[in-house]
């Protein structure tokens, strides 16, 4: 099954555990990469943290269930949740439609973004690493 996804925005950084981060005006949007969504298949359930929750880099912050599996989602950079994508709670399939614009998971504020992002990959490098 191949899910057609739009091109990722400029400046996306990806973790080796398939999360992405995009910083804009000191707010970092976090989501799951197109590759991960394609591997998972149709998303049927999303559990997100509460606003104001704080997470360290690599800490589990969300759970996603697809028709194939349930998976834990790890924070690519540490920070405090300032917004969750509430639309996903009722329409988790938005992740299958557009992981970059509609299917983001949370927005955070991070004092450690510059340091935490050092281990992340630019999208093209990430793609080269995960595609056979």
C-alpha atoms as a PDB file:
ATOM      1  CA  UNK A   1       0.000   0.000   0.000  1.00  0.00           C
ATOM      2  CA  UNK A   2       1.472   3.347  -0.969  1.00  0.00           C
ATOM      3  CA  UNK A   3       0.186   6.538   0.536  1.00  0.00           C
ATOM      4  CA  UNK A   4       0.872   9.640  -1.504  1.00  0.00           C
ATOM      5  CA  UNK A   5       2.089  12.449   0.734  1.00  0.00           C
ATOM      6  CA  UNK A   6       2.826  16.072  -0.138  1.00  0.00           C
ATOM      7  CA  UNK A   7       6.414  17.275  -0.144  1.00  0.00           C
ATOM      8  CA  UNK A   8       7.709  18.107   3.348  1.00  0.00           C
ATOM      9  CA  UNK A   9       8.218  21.757   4.262  1.00  0.00           C
ATOM     10  CA  UNK A  10      11.692  23.274   4.067  1.00  0.00           C
ATOM     11  CA  UNK A  11      13.716  22.786   7.251  1.00  0.00           C
ATOM     12  CA  UNK A  12      12.111  19.556   8.484  1.00  0.00           C
ATOM     13  CA  UNK A  13      14.404  17.519  10.730  1.00  0.00           C
ATOM     14  CA  UNK A  14      13.802  13.800  11.296  1.00  0.00           C
ATOM     15  CA  UNK A  15      14.771  11.333  14.006  1.00  0.00           C
ATOM     16  CA  UNK A  16      15.896   7.773  13.393  1.00  0.00           C
ATOM     17  CA  UNK A  17      12.684   6.687  15.167  1.00  0.00           C
ATOM     18  CA  UNK A  18      10.668   8.431  12.392  1.00  0.00           C
ATOM     19  CA  UNK A  19       9.435  11.592  14.121  1.00  0.00           C
ATOM     20  CA  UNK A  20       9.885  15.004  12.502  1.00  0.00           C
ATOM     21  CA  UNK A  21      10.388  18.458  13.974  1.00  0.00           C
ATOM     22  CA  UNK A  22       9.982  21.869  12.354  1.00  0.00           C
ATOM     23  CA  UNK A  23      10.933  25.037  14.215  1.00  0.00           C
ATOM     24  CA  UNK A  24       9.191  28.323  13.433  1.00  0.00           C
ATOM     25  CA  UNK A  25       9.102  31.415  15.664  1.00  0.00           C
ATOM     26  CA  UNK A  26      10.373  29.456  18.700  1.00  0.00           C
ATOM     27  CA  UNK A  27       7.566  26.869  18.410  1.00  0.00           C
ATOM     28  CA  UNK A  28       8.446  23.374  17.225  1.00  0.00           C
ATOM     29  CA  UNK A  29       5.825  21.311  15.446  1.00  0.00           C
ATOM     30  CA  UNK A  30       6.258  17.543  15.898  1.00  0.00           C
ATOM     31  CA  UNK A  31       4.827  14.771  13.748  1.00  0.00           C
ATOM     32  CA  UNK A  32       5.454  11.313  12.320  1.00  0.00           C
ATOM     33  CA  UNK A  33       7.241  10.979   8.975  1.00  0.00           C
ATOM     34  CA  UNK A  34       5.600   9.933   5.732  1.00  0.00           C
ATOM     35  CA  UNK A  35       7.776   6.790   5.728  1.00  0.00           C
ATOM     36  CA  UNK A  36       6.471   5.764   9.169  1.00  0.00           C
ATOM     37  CA  UNK A  37       2.857   6.390   8.146  1.00  0.00           C
ATOM     38  CA  UNK A  38       3.307   4.315   5.002  1.00  0.00           C
ATOM     39  CA  UNK A  39       4.779   1.471   7.070  1.00  0.00           C
ATOM     40  CA  UNK A  40       1.945   1.669   9.627  1.00  0.00           C
ATOM     41  CA  UNK A  41      -0.898   1.832   7.106  1.00  0.00           C
ATOM     42  CA  UNK A  42      -4.287   3.339   7.933  1.00  0.00           C
ATOM     43  CA  UNK A  43      -4.189   5.216  11.247  1.00  0.00           C
ATOM     44  CA  UNK A  44      -7.273   4.454  13.373  1.00  0.00           C
ATOM     45  CA  UNK A  45      -6.460   5.970  16.796  1.00  0.00           C
ATOM     46  CA  UNK A  46      -4.199   8.685  18.216  1.00  0.00           C
ATOM     47  CA  UNK A  47      -3.527   9.358  21.904  1.00  0.00           C
ATOM     48  CA  UNK A  48      -1.876  12.719  22.596  1.00  0.00           C
ATOM     49  CA  UNK A  49      -0.531  14.291  25.807  1.00  0.00           C
ATOM     50  CA  UNK A  50      -2.103  17.180  27.669  1.00  0.00           C
ATOM     51  CA  UNK A  51      -1.106  20.782  26.992  1.00  0.00           C
ATOM     52  CA  UNK A  52       1.593  21.954  29.444  1.00  0.00           C
ATOM     53  CA  UNK A  53       3.027  18.426  29.784  1.00  0.00           C
ATOM     54  CA  UNK A  54       6.818  18.370  29.564  1.00  0.00           C
ATOM     55  CA  UNK A  55       8.890  15.710  27.847  1.00  0.00           C
ATOM     56  CA  UNK A  56      12.596  15.056  27.485  1.00  0.00           C
ATOM     57  CA  UNK A  57      14.181  14.132  24.165  1.00  0.00           C
ATOM     58  CA  UNK A  58      13.486  10.449  23.311  1.00  0.00           C
ATOM     59  CA  UNK A  59      10.663  10.187  25.882  1.00  0.00           C
ATOM     60  CA  UNK A  60       7.367   8.586  24.753  1.00  0.00           C
ATOM     61  CA  UNK A  61       4.729  11.303  24.368  1.00  0.00           C
ATOM     62  CA  UNK A  62       2.015   9.758  22.180  1.00  0.00           C
ATOM     63  CA  UNK A  63       0.572   6.463  20.972  1.00  0.00           C
ATOM     64  CA  UNK A  64      -0.739   5.727  17.497  1.00  0.00           C
ATOM     65  CA  UNK A  65      -2.724   2.686  16.426  1.00  0.00           C
ATOM     66  CA  UNK A  66      -3.045   1.577  12.833  1.00  0.00           C
ATOM     67  CA  UNK A  67      -4.697  -1.383  11.186  1.00  0.00           C
ATOM     68  CA  UNK A  68      -1.287  -3.103  11.446  1.00  0.00           C
ATOM     69  CA  UNK A  69       0.099  -2.158  14.883  1.00  0.00           C
ATOM     70  CA  UNK A  70       0.146   0.136  17.898  1.00  0.00           C
ATOM     71  CA  UNK A  71       3.297   2.202  18.248  1.00  0.00           C
ATOM     72  CA  UNK A  72       4.769   4.624  20.740  1.00  0.00           C
ATOM     73  CA  UNK A  73       5.942   8.004  19.477  1.00  0.00           C
ATOM     74  CA  UNK A  74       9.119   9.547  20.904  1.00  0.00           C
ATOM     75  CA  UNK A  75       9.857  13.226  21.423  1.00  0.00           C
ATOM     76  CA  UNK A  76      12.612  14.200  18.937  1.00  0.00           C
ATOM     77  CA  UNK A  77      13.524  17.241  21.060  1.00  0.00           C
ATOM     78  CA  UNK A  78      12.678  18.067  24.657  1.00  0.00           C
ATOM     79  CA  UNK A  79      10.048  20.651  25.485  1.00  0.00           C
ATOM     80  CA  UNK A  80       6.667  21.673  26.865  1.00  0.00           C
ATOM     81  CA  UNK A  81       3.460  20.960  24.934  1.00  0.00           C
ATOM     82  CA  UNK A  82       1.764  24.230  23.962  1.00  0.00           C
ATOM     83  CA  UNK A  83      -0.805  22.781  21.533  1.00  0.00           C
ATOM     84  CA  UNK A  84      -2.087  19.389  20.430  1.00  0.00           C
ATOM     85  CA  UNK A  85      -3.707  18.586  17.090  1.00  0.00           C
ATOM     86  CA  UNK A  86      -7.200  17.996  18.453  1.00  0.00           C
ATOM     87  CA  UNK A  87      -8.538  17.192  14.966  1.00  0.00           C
ATOM     88  CA  UNK A  88      -6.569  13.919  15.072  1.00  0.00           C
ATOM     89  CA  UNK A  89      -8.510  12.722  18.110  1.00  0.00           C
ATOM     90  CA  UNK A  90     -11.692  12.465  16.026  1.00  0.00           C
ATOM     91  CA  UNK A  91     -10.074  12.064  12.597  1.00  0.00           C
ATOM     92  CA  UNK A  92      -6.804  10.112  12.967  1.00  0.00           C
ATOM     93  CA  UNK A  93      -6.894   9.368   9.243  1.00  0.00           C
ATOM     94  CA  UNK A  94      -5.686  12.944   8.634  1.00  0.00           C
ATOM     95  CA  UNK A  95      -2.204  11.543   9.256  1.00  0.00           C
ATOM     96  CA  UNK A  96      -2.626   9.328   6.202  1.00  0.00           C
ATOM     97  CA  UNK A  97      -3.783  12.278   4.092  1.00  0.00           C
ATOM     98  CA  UNK A  98      -1.070  14.815   4.935  1.00  0.00           C
ATOM     99  CA  UNK A  99       1.515  14.217   7.685  1.00  0.00           C
ATOM    100  CA  UNK A 100       3.066  17.670   7.273  1.00  0.00           C
ATOM    101  CA  UNK A 101       0.097  20.076   7.354  1.00  0.00           C
ATOM    102  CA  UNK A 102      -2.950  18.227   8.731  1.00  0.00           C
ATOM    103  CA  UNK A 103      -1.325  15.271  10.496  1.00  0.00           C
ATOM    104  CA  UNK A 104       1.076  16.974  12.914  1.00  0.00           C
ATOM    105  CA  UNK A 105       0.815  15.744  16.498  1.00  0.00           C
ATOM    106  CA  UNK A 106       1.899  18.476  18.920  1.00  0.00           C
ATOM    107  CA  UNK A 107       3.534  21.886  19.103  1.00  0.00           C
ATOM    108  CA  UNK A 108       6.111  22.536  21.789  1.00  0.00           C
ATOM    109  CA  UNK A 109       8.301  25.259  23.210  1.00  0.00           C
ATOM    110  CA  UNK A 110      11.855  24.094  23.806  1.00  0.00           C
ATOM    111  CA  UNK A 111      14.818  25.651  25.570  1.00  0.00           C
ATOM    112  CA  UNK A 112      17.009  22.806  24.287  1.00  0.00           C
ATOM    113  CA  UNK A 113      16.035  22.708  20.595  1.00  0.00           C
ATOM    114  CA  UNK A 114      19.435  23.774  19.250  1.00  0.00           C
ATOM    115  CA  UNK A 115      21.241  21.141  21.332  1.00  0.00           C
ATOM    116  CA  UNK A 116      18.600  18.386  20.945  1.00  0.00           C
ATOM    117  CA  UNK A 117      18.307  18.845  17.186  1.00  0.00           C
ATOM    118  CA  UNK A 118      21.995  18.045  16.602  1.00  0.00           C
ATOM    119  CA  UNK A 119      21.215  14.323  16.353  1.00  0.00           C
ATOM    120  CA  UNK A 120      18.377  14.804  13.868  1.00  0.00           C
ATOM    121  CA  UNK A 121      18.685  14.347  10.118  1.00  0.00           C
ATOM    122  CA  UNK A 122      17.634  16.640   7.302  1.00  0.00           C
ATOM    123  CA  UNK A 123      14.730  15.058   5.405  1.00  0.00           C
ATOM    124  CA  UNK A 124      16.787  13.977   2.374  1.00  0.00           C
ATOM    125  CA  UNK A 125      19.391  12.294   4.598  1.00  0.00           C
ATOM    126  CA  UNK A 126      16.623  10.615   6.609  1.00  0.00           C
ATOM    127  CA  UNK A 127      15.007   9.364   3.396  1.00  0.00           C
ATOM    128  CA  UNK A 128      18.328   7.968   2.179  1.00  0.00           C
ATOM    129  CA  UNK A 129      18.746   6.144   5.478  1.00  0.00           C
ATOM    130  CA  UNK A 130      15.287   4.525   5.611  1.00  0.00           C
ATOM    131  CA  UNK A 131      14.769   3.680   1.947  1.00  0.00           C
ATOM    132  CA  UNK A 132      16.398   0.513   0.683  1.00  0.00           C
END
